């Protein structure tokens, strides 16, 4: 008999999702891996909906992190080429990515059970 986690606020589930999820696998496969790992740690299995929400957050976080690295990489390349990158432009791009990250988290929080 499968027992599902009662508390969606257990941060260990988010850590398992971050460690076990891969962009190229279906969310259901991540859910199964997270559930097995949770049971191995004497935790209850999280619900599919909970893991799916955490997978979306994690994948979006990774995407935004990659975009941030690209912004900084372009600035470093410009600097290495002997030019000065626009600090204002770089900071604005990073700020926009940070806002997108915060909006993504807020969007997913709206669907959390009370």
Protein backbone atom coordinates (compact mmCIF):
# COMPACT_ATOMS: atom_id res chain seq x y z
CA UNK A 1 0.00 0.00 0.00
CA UNK A 2 1.39 3.41 -0.98
CA UNK A 3 1.29 6.15 1.58
CA UNK A 4 1.55 9.71 0.37
CA UNK A 5 3.12 12.64 2.17
CA UNK A 6 0.68 14.77 4.10
CA UNK A 7 2.87 17.85 4.34
CA UNK A 8 3.75 19.56 1.05
CA UNK A 9 6.13 21.79 3.00
CA UNK A 10 8.79 19.16 3.66
CA UNK A 11 11.92 20.66 2.04
CA UNK A 12 13.52 17.23 1.70
CA UNK A 13 11.14 16.43 -1.16
CA UNK A 14 12.30 19.54 -3.07
CA UNK A 15 15.92 18.45 -2.52
CA UNK A 16 15.13 14.97 -3.88
CA UNK A 17 13.44 16.50 -6.92
CA UNK A 18 16.45 18.76 -7.56
CA UNK A 19 18.82 15.79 -7.32
CA UNK A 20 16.78 13.21 -9.22
CA UNK A 21 15.07 15.20 -11.97
CA UNK A 22 16.45 15.46 -15.46
CA UNK A 23 14.93 17.62 -18.17
CA UNK A 24 14.93 14.75 -20.65
CA UNK A 25 12.81 12.39 -18.55
CA UNK A 26 9.04 12.52 -18.03
CA UNK A 27 7.77 13.98 -14.77
CA UNK A 28 6.18 10.64 -13.91
CA UNK A 29 9.60 8.99 -13.97
CA UNK A 30 10.93 11.68 -11.62
CA UNK A 31 7.92 11.11 -9.35
CA UNK A 32 8.67 7.38 -9.18
CA UNK A 33 12.36 8.02 -8.43
CA UNK A 34 11.53 10.61 -5.76
CA UNK A 35 8.94 8.30 -4.20
CA UNK A 36 11.41 5.40 -4.03
CA UNK A 37 14.10 7.64 -2.55
CA UNK A 38 11.66 9.05 -0.02
CA UNK A 39 10.67 5.55 1.10
CA UNK A 40 14.36 4.67 1.34
CA UNK A 41 14.72 7.58 3.77
CA UNK A 42 11.73 6.38 5.82
CA UNK A 43 9.57 9.22 4.50
CA UNK A 44 6.14 8.98 2.98
CA UNK A 45 5.84 9.10 -0.80
CA UNK A 46 4.89 12.54 -2.11
CA UNK A 47 1.83 12.87 -4.31
CA UNK A 48 2.25 13.06 -8.07
CA UNK A 49 0.80 16.58 -8.13
CA UNK A 50 3.28 17.78 -5.51
CA UNK A 51 6.29 16.34 -7.33
CA UNK A 52 5.02 17.69 -10.66
CA UNK A 53 4.78 21.19 -9.17
CA UNK A 54 8.30 20.92 -7.72
CA UNK A 55 9.67 19.58 -11.02
CA UNK A 56 8.22 22.57 -12.87
CA UNK A 57 9.76 24.96 -10.36
CA UNK A 58 13.14 23.19 -10.53
CA UNK A 59 13.20 23.08 -14.32
CA UNK A 60 12.28 26.76 -14.54
CA UNK A 61 14.97 27.59 -11.96
CA UNK A 62 17.56 25.70 -13.99
CA UNK A 63 16.46 27.44 -17.18
CA UNK A 64 16.75 30.89 -15.59
CA UNK A 65 20.10 29.96 -14.05
CA UNK A 66 21.41 28.99 -17.50
CA UNK A 67 20.18 32.28 -18.94
CA UNK A 68 21.97 34.13 -16.13
CA UNK A 69 25.20 32.28 -16.91
CA UNK A 70 24.76 33.26 -20.57
CA UNK A 71 24.39 36.95 -19.64
CA UNK A 72 27.54 36.82 -17.52
CA UNK A 73 29.36 34.81 -20.20
CA UNK A 74 28.60 37.44 -22.82
CA UNK A 75 29.88 40.15 -20.47
CA UNK A 76 33.07 38.17 -19.81
CA UNK A 77 33.59 37.60 -23.54
CA UNK A 78 33.15 41.30 -24.22
CA UNK A 79 35.65 42.12 -21.49
CA UNK A 80 38.13 39.52 -22.79
CA UNK A 81 37.86 41.11 -26.23
CA UNK A 82 39.15 44.35 -24.74
CA UNK A 83 35.83 46.15 -24.60
CA UNK A 84 33.87 47.24 -21.58
CA UNK A 85 30.45 45.60 -21.24
CA UNK A 86 27.55 47.80 -20.25
CA UNK A 87 27.18 47.26 -16.52
CA UNK A 88 23.71 48.77 -16.66
CA UNK A 89 22.60 46.35 -19.38
CA UNK A 90 24.08 43.34 -17.58
CA UNK A 91 22.46 44.33 -14.28
CA UNK A 92 19.10 44.94 -15.97
CA UNK A 93 19.19 41.54 -17.63
CA UNK A 94 20.07 39.84 -14.34
CA UNK A 95 17.33 41.80 -12.55
CA UNK A 96 14.79 40.71 -15.18
CA UNK A 97 15.84 37.09 -14.74
CA UNK A 98 15.49 37.43 -10.96
CA UNK A 99 11.98 38.84 -11.38
CA UNK A 100 11.07 35.99 -13.72
CA UNK A 101 12.31 33.53 -11.09
CA UNK A 102 10.24 35.19 -8.38
CA UNK A 103 7.14 35.26 -10.61
CA UNK A 104 7.53 31.57 -11.43
CA UNK A 105 7.70 30.71 -7.74
CA UNK A 106 4.69 32.91 -6.93
CA UNK A 107 2.71 31.34 -9.76
CA UNK A 108 3.34 27.88 -8.37
CA UNK A 109 2.61 28.95 -4.79
CA UNK A 110 -0.86 30.04 -5.91
CA UNK A 111 -1.66 26.38 -6.59
CA UNK A 112 -0.43 25.04 -3.25
CA UNK A 113 -3.03 23.63 -0.90
CA UNK A 114 -3.59 25.74 2.24
